Amino acid sequence: MKAYMFDLESGMYQGEVYEDANLMKYVDGITTIPPLQYGDDEVVVFDQNEQKWSVKTISEMRKILGIVT
């Protein structure tokens, strides 16, 4: 089954994989919900509580993660 990986701390999209449907419940940081489309200066972030993706700018994520540029 096609699945989408995300970072457990930030929720940021990390790519797609094919995973056995029976094993997916044992894997953290994975969902079958496809990510939203995003642009060059954007990232897709998964909210585990709400079970949905959102699009954020790279600048927004840097602030959220405390990354100084």
N, C-alpha and C. Protein backbone atom coordinates (compact mmCIF):
# COMPACT_ATOMS: atom_id res chain seq x y z
N MET A 1 0.85 -1.16 0.00
CA MET A 1 0.00 0.00 0.00
C MET A 1 0.91 1.24 0.00
N LYS A 2 0.54 2.23 -0.79
CA LYS A 2 1.31 3.47 -0.84
C LYS A 2 1.06 4.25 0.44
N ALA A 3 2.13 4.76 1.04
CA ALA A 3 2.03 5.53 2.27
C ALA A 3 2.99 6.72 2.19
N TYR A 4 2.78 7.68 3.07
CA TYR A 4 3.54 8.92 3.05
C TYR A 4 4.20 9.12 4.41
N MET A 5 5.49 9.38 4.39
CA MET A 5 6.25 9.52 5.63
C MET A 5 6.34 10.98 6.05
N PHE A 6 6.37 11.18 7.37
CA PHE A 6 6.55 12.53 7.91
C PHE A 6 7.42 12.44 9.17
N ASP A 7 8.12 13.53 9.45
CA ASP A 7 8.96 13.60 10.64
C ASP A 7 8.07 13.67 11.88
N LEU A 8 8.36 12.85 12.88
CA LEU A 8 7.52 12.79 14.08
C LEU A 8 7.52 14.08 14.88
N GLU A 9 8.63 14.81 14.88
CA GLU A 9 8.70 16.05 15.66
C GLU A 9 8.11 17.25 14.93
N SER A 10 8.48 17.43 13.68
CA SER A 10 8.04 18.62 12.94
C SER A 10 6.80 18.37 12.09
N GLY A 11 6.54 17.11 11.73
CA GLY A 11 5.44 16.80 10.84
C GLY A 11 5.77 16.97 9.36
N MET A 12 6.98 17.42 9.06
CA MET A 12 7.35 17.69 7.67
C MET A 12 7.38 16.41 6.83
N TYR A 13 6.86 16.54 5.62
CA TYR A 13 6.80 15.45 4.65
C TYR A 13 8.21 14.95 4.34
N GLN A 14 8.37 13.62 4.28
CA GLN A 14 9.69 13.03 4.01
C GLN A 14 9.70 12.10 2.81
N GLY A 15 8.58 11.93 2.15
CA GLY A 15 8.57 11.09 0.96
C GLY A 15 7.51 10.00 1.04
N GLU A 16 7.53 9.14 0.03
CA GLU A 16 6.53 8.08 -0.01
C GLU A 16 7.20 6.72 -0.03
N VAL A 17 6.46 5.73 0.44
CA VAL A 17 6.94 4.35 0.49
C VAL A 17 5.77 3.42 0.19
N TYR A 18 6.08 2.19 -0.03
CA TYR A 18 5.06 1.15 -0.13
C TYR A 18 5.24 0.25 1.08
N GLU A 19 4.18 0.11 1.87
CA GLU A 19 4.24 -0.62 3.13
C GLU A 19 3.10 -1.64 3.17
N ASP A 20 3.35 -2.74 3.82
CA ASP A 20 2.33 -3.76 4.03
C ASP A 20 1.23 -3.14 4.91
N ALA A 21 -0.01 -3.20 4.46
CA ALA A 21 -1.14 -2.59 5.18
C ALA A 21 -1.27 -3.13 6.60
N ASN A 22 -0.95 -4.40 6.80
CA ASN A 22 -1.05 -5.00 8.14
C ASN A 22 0.03 -4.50 9.09
N LEU A 23 1.14 -4.05 8.55
CA LEU A 23 2.25 -3.59 9.39
C LEU A 23 2.22 -2.08 9.66
N MET A 24 1.44 -1.34 8.88
CA MET A 24 1.43 0.12 9.00
C MET A 24 1.05 0.61 10.39
N LYS A 25 0.19 -0.11 11.10
CA LYS A 25 -0.22 0.33 12.42
C LYS A 25 0.93 0.29 13.42
N TYR A 26 2.01 -0.41 13.07
CA TYR A 26 3.17 -0.52 13.96
C TYR A 26 4.29 0.46 13.61
N VAL A 27 4.08 1.23 12.56
CA VAL A 27 5.11 2.15 12.07
C VAL A 27 4.71 3.58 12.42
N ASP A 28 5.60 4.31 13.11
CA ASP A 28 5.35 5.71 13.42
C ASP A 28 5.79 6.59 12.25
N GLY A 29 5.15 7.74 12.12
CA GLY A 29 5.54 8.70 11.10
C GLY A 29 5.13 8.31 9.70
N ILE A 30 3.96 7.67 9.58
CA ILE A 30 3.49 7.23 8.27
C ILE A 30 1.96 7.36 8.22
N THR A 31 1.44 7.74 7.06
CA THR A 31 0.00 7.88 6.87
C THR A 31 -0.36 7.50 5.43
N THR A 32 -1.60 7.12 5.23
CA THR A 32 -2.07 6.84 3.87
C THR A 32 -2.73 8.07 3.25
N ILE A 33 -2.83 9.15 4.01
CA ILE A 33 -3.43 10.39 3.51
C ILE A 33 -2.41 11.10 2.63
N PRO A 34 -2.71 11.31 1.35
CA PRO A 34 -1.73 11.93 0.46
C PRO A 34 -1.49 13.40 0.83
N PRO A 35 -0.24 13.84 0.70
CA PRO A 35 0.07 15.24 1.02
C PRO A 35 -0.52 16.19 -0.01
N LEU A 36 -0.66 17.43 0.39
CA LEU A 36 -1.16 18.48 -0.49
C LEU A 36 -0.07 18.89 -1.47
N GLN A 37 -0.47 19.54 -2.56
CA GLN A 37 0.49 20.11 -3.50
C GLN A 37 1.17 21.30 -2.83
N TYR A 38 2.43 21.53 -3.16
CA TYR A 38 3.15 22.65 -2.58
C TYR A 38 4.12 23.23 -3.60
N GLY A 39 4.50 24.49 -3.36
CA GLY A 39 5.38 25.20 -4.28
C GLY A 39 6.84 25.16 -3.87
N ASP A 40 7.66 25.92 -4.60
CA ASP A 40 9.10 25.92 -4.39
C ASP A 40 9.53 26.40 -3.01
N ASP A 41 8.86 27.38 -2.46
CA ASP A 41 9.23 27.94 -1.15
C ASP A 41 8.33 27.44 -0.04
N GLU A 42 7.77 26.25 -0.21
CA GLU A 42 6.82 25.72 0.76
C GLU A 42 7.18 24.28 1.15
N VAL A 43 6.64 23.85 2.28
CA VAL A 43 6.76 22.46 2.73
C VAL A 43 5.39 21.99 3.17
N VAL A 44 5.19 20.69 3.17
CA VAL A 44 3.93 20.11 3.62
C VAL A 44 4.16 19.50 5.00
N VAL A 45 3.23 19.78 5.91
CA VAL A 45 3.37 19.37 7.31
C VAL A 45 2.13 18.57 7.72
N PHE A 46 2.35 17.41 8.35
CA PHE A 46 1.25 16.56 8.79
C PHE A 46 0.96 16.80 10.26
N ASP A 47 -0.31 17.04 10.58
CA ASP A 47 -0.76 17.21 11.96
C ASP A 47 -1.34 15.86 12.41
N GLN A 48 -0.63 15.19 13.32
CA GLN A 48 -1.04 13.85 13.76
C GLN A 48 -2.36 13.88 14.53
N ASN A 49 -2.60 14.95 15.29
CA ASN A 49 -3.85 15.04 16.06
C ASN A 49 -5.06 15.20 15.16
N GLU A 50 -4.93 16.04 14.15
CA GLU A 50 -6.05 16.31 13.24
C GLU A 50 -6.08 15.37 12.03
N GLN A 51 -4.99 14.62 11.85
CA GLN A 51 -4.87 13.69 10.72
C GLN A 51 -5.07 14.40 9.38
N LYS A 52 -4.32 15.52 9.21
CA LYS A 52 -4.40 16.23 7.93
C LYS A 52 -3.10 16.98 7.67
N TRP A 53 -2.89 17.26 6.40
CA TRP A 53 -1.71 18.00 5.95
C TRP A 53 -2.03 19.48 5.85
N SER A 54 -1.01 20.30 5.99
CA SER A 54 -1.12 21.73 5.71
C SER A 54 0.14 22.16 4.98
N VAL A 55 0.06 23.29 4.30
CA VAL A 55 1.20 23.83 3.57
C VAL A 55 1.71 25.05 4.33
N LYS A 56 3.00 25.08 4.57
CA LYS A 56 3.63 26.21 5.26
C LYS A 56 4.81 26.68 4.43
N THR A 57 5.12 27.97 4.55
CA THR A 57 6.30 28.47 3.85
C THR A 57 7.54 28.00 4.60
N ILE A 58 8.65 27.98 3.91
CA ILE A 58 9.91 27.60 4.54
C ILE A 58 10.24 28.56 5.67
N SER A 59 9.94 29.84 5.49
CA SER A 59 10.19 30.84 6.54
C SER A 59 9.37 30.53 7.79
N GLU A 60 8.11 30.15 7.62
CA GLU A 60 7.26 29.78 8.76
C GLU A 60 7.86 28.60 9.52
N MET A 61 8.29 27.59 8.80
CA MET A 61 8.86 26.40 9.44
C MET A 61 10.16 26.71 10.15
N ARG A 62 10.96 27.59 9.59
CA ARG A 62 12.21 27.98 10.27
C ARG A 62 11.89 28.62 11.62
N LYS A 63 10.87 29.47 11.66
CA LYS A 63 10.47 30.10 12.91
C LYS A 63 9.94 29.07 13.90
N ILE A 64 9.09 28.18 13.42
CA ILE A 64 8.51 27.13 14.27
C ILE A 64 9.61 26.25 14.87
N LEU A 65 10.61 25.92 14.06
CA LEU A 65 11.68 25.04 14.50
C LEU A 65 12.83 25.77 15.20
N GLY A 66 12.75 27.11 15.21
CA GLY A 66 13.79 27.89 15.87
C GLY A 66 15.11 27.93 15.10
N ILE A 67 15.02 27.88 13.80
CA ILE A 67 16.22 27.91 12.95
C ILE A 67 16.50 29.35 12.55
N VAL A 68 17.67 29.84 12.93
CA VAL A 68 18.07 31.20 12.60
C VAL A 68 18.87 31.17 11.30
N THR A 69 18.50 32.07 10.39
CA THR A 69 19.24 32.12 9.11
C THR A 69 19.99 33.40 8.97
